[in-house]
C-alpha atoms as a PDB file:
ATOM      1  CA  UNK A   1       0.000   0.000   0.000  1.00  0.00           C
ATOM      2  CA  UNK A   2       2.825   2.440   0.768  1.00  0.00           C
ATOM      3  CA  UNK A   3       5.110   1.481  -2.107  1.00  0.00           C
ATOM      4  CA  UNK A   4       4.024   4.399  -4.307  1.00  0.00           C
ATOM      5  CA  UNK A   5       2.320   6.693  -1.790  1.00  0.00           C
ATOM      6  CA  UNK A   6       3.864   9.150   0.677  1.00  0.00           C
ATOM      7  CA  UNK A   7       3.432   8.185   4.317  1.00  0.00           C
ATOM      8  CA  UNK A   8       4.011   9.913   7.640  1.00  0.00           C
ATOM      9  CA  UNK A   9       4.774   7.828  10.718  1.00  0.00           C
ATOM     10  CA  UNK A  10       5.418   8.869  14.288  1.00  0.00           C
ATOM     11  CA  UNK A  11       6.441   6.578  17.143  1.00  0.00           C
ATOM     12  CA  UNK A  12       3.910   5.275  19.567  1.00  0.00           C
ATOM     13  CA  UNK A  13       4.299   3.504  22.876  1.00  0.00           C
ATOM     14  CA  UNK A  14       4.363   0.036  21.326  1.00  0.00           C
ATOM     15  CA  UNK A  15       7.292   0.995  19.045  1.00  0.00           C
ATOM     16  CA  UNK A  16       9.510   1.362  22.103  1.00  0.00           C
ATOM     17  CA  UNK A  17       8.306  -1.852  23.731  1.00  0.00           C
ATOM     18  CA  UNK A  18       5.937  -0.293  26.210  1.00  0.00           C
ATOM     19  CA  UNK A  19       2.311  -1.125  26.955  1.00  0.00           C
ATOM     20  CA  UNK A  20       0.061   1.955  27.094  1.00  0.00           C
ATOM     21  CA  UNK A  21       1.594   4.613  29.345  1.00  0.00           C
ATOM     22  CA  UNK A  22       4.999   5.977  28.443  1.00  0.00           C
ATOM     23  CA  UNK A  23       7.201   9.012  28.465  1.00  0.00           C
ATOM     24  CA  UNK A  24       6.737  10.561  31.905  1.00  0.00           C
ATOM     25  CA  UNK A  25       9.509  13.061  31.266  1.00  0.00           C
ATOM     26  CA  UNK A  26      11.982  10.379  30.223  1.00  0.00           C
ATOM     27  CA  UNK A  27      12.093   8.541  33.506  1.00  0.00           C
ATOM     28  CA  UNK A  28      12.730   4.819  33.781  1.00  0.00           C
ATOM     29  CA  UNK A  29       9.724   2.549  34.296  1.00  0.00           C
ATOM     30  CA  UNK A  30       9.997   0.620  37.540  1.00  0.00           C
ATOM     31  CA  UNK A  31       6.773  -1.404  37.655  1.00  0.00           C
ATOM     32  CA  UNK A  32       6.658  -4.546  35.478  1.00  0.00           C
ATOM     33  CA  UNK A  33       3.073  -3.816  34.445  1.00  0.00           C
ATOM     34  CA  UNK A  34       4.002  -0.352  33.143  1.00  0.00           C
ATOM     35  CA  UNK A  35       1.406   1.449  35.234  1.00  0.00           C
ATOM     36  CA  UNK A  36       3.936   4.015  36.461  1.00  0.00           C
ATOM     37  CA  UNK A  37       4.762   5.428  33.012  1.00  0.00           C
ATOM     38  CA  UNK A  38       8.361   5.929  31.972  1.00  0.00           C
ATOM     39  CA  UNK A  39      10.405   3.800  29.576  1.00  0.00           C
ATOM     40  CA  UNK A  40      11.282   0.096  29.834  1.00  0.00           C
ATOM     41  CA  UNK A  41      14.000   0.119  27.156  1.00  0.00           C
ATOM     42  CA  UNK A  42      17.430   1.726  27.562  1.00  0.00           C
ATOM     43  CA  UNK A  43      17.646   5.367  26.415  1.00  0.00           C
ATOM     44  CA  UNK A  44      19.835   4.432  23.411  1.00  0.00           C
ATOM     45  CA  UNK A  45      17.071   2.151  22.099  1.00  0.00           C
ATOM     46  CA  UNK A  46      14.342   4.741  22.633  1.00  0.00           C
ATOM     47  CA  UNK A  47      16.427   7.420  20.883  1.00  0.00           C
ATOM     48  CA  UNK A  48      17.110   5.089  17.945  1.00  0.00           C
ATOM     49  CA  UNK A  49      13.376   4.457  17.423  1.00  0.00           C
ATOM     50  CA  UNK A  50      12.594   8.173  17.668  1.00  0.00           C
ATOM     51  CA  UNK A  51      15.371   9.114  15.204  1.00  0.00           C
ATOM     52  CA  UNK A  52      14.186   6.523  12.692  1.00  0.00           C
ATOM     53  CA  UNK A  53      10.543   7.512  12.900  1.00  0.00           C
ATOM     54  CA  UNK A  54      10.662  11.291  13.368  1.00  0.00           C
ATOM     55  CA  UNK A  55      13.496  12.501  11.102  1.00  0.00           C
ATOM     56  CA  UNK A  56      10.926  13.931   8.695  1.00  0.00           C
ATOM     57  CA  UNK A  57       9.056  15.983  11.323  1.00  0.00           C
ATOM     58  CA  UNK A  58       9.828  19.632  12.169  1.00  0.00           C
ATOM     59  CA  UNK A  59      12.446  20.281  14.852  1.00  0.00           C
ATOM     60  CA  UNK A  60      11.105  20.456  18.416  1.00  0.00           C
ATOM     61  CA  UNK A  61      10.495  23.878  19.956  1.00  0.00           C
ATOM     62  CA  UNK A  62      12.676  22.936  22.941  1.00  0.00           C
ATOM     63  CA  UNK A  63      15.338  20.431  21.809  1.00  0.00           C
ATOM     64  CA  UNK A  64      16.682  19.812  25.336  1.00  0.00           C
ATOM     65  CA  UNK A  65      16.627  16.087  26.145  1.00  0.00           C
ATOM     66  CA  UNK A  66      14.504  14.783  29.006  1.00  0.00           C
ATOM     67  CA  UNK A  67      15.670  12.456  31.812  1.00  0.00           C
ATOM     68  CA  UNK A  68      18.095   9.668  30.892  1.00  0.00           C
ATOM     69  CA  UNK A  69      19.194  11.745  27.861  1.00  0.00           C
ATOM     70  CA  UNK A  70      16.134  10.781  25.839  1.00  0.00           C
ATOM     71  CA  UNK A  71      15.663  13.105  22.859  1.00  0.00           C
ATOM     72  CA  UNK A  72      12.420  14.977  22.307  1.00  0.00           C
END
């Protein structure tokens, strides 16, 4: 379907191996069920997913990384 059509994709919680709550200012998830927000994966993995899926989007207003050095 996307072979000859432009597409825009942005990352979502499942792309970084998280259930349904994520982000939380870049903090690390501590609860195994994910109910505390944060990220399960190491910051390098989260940043890789974001770089691959957001390179085509405009630059962020505030480019300062959040906790753990996770890019915005």
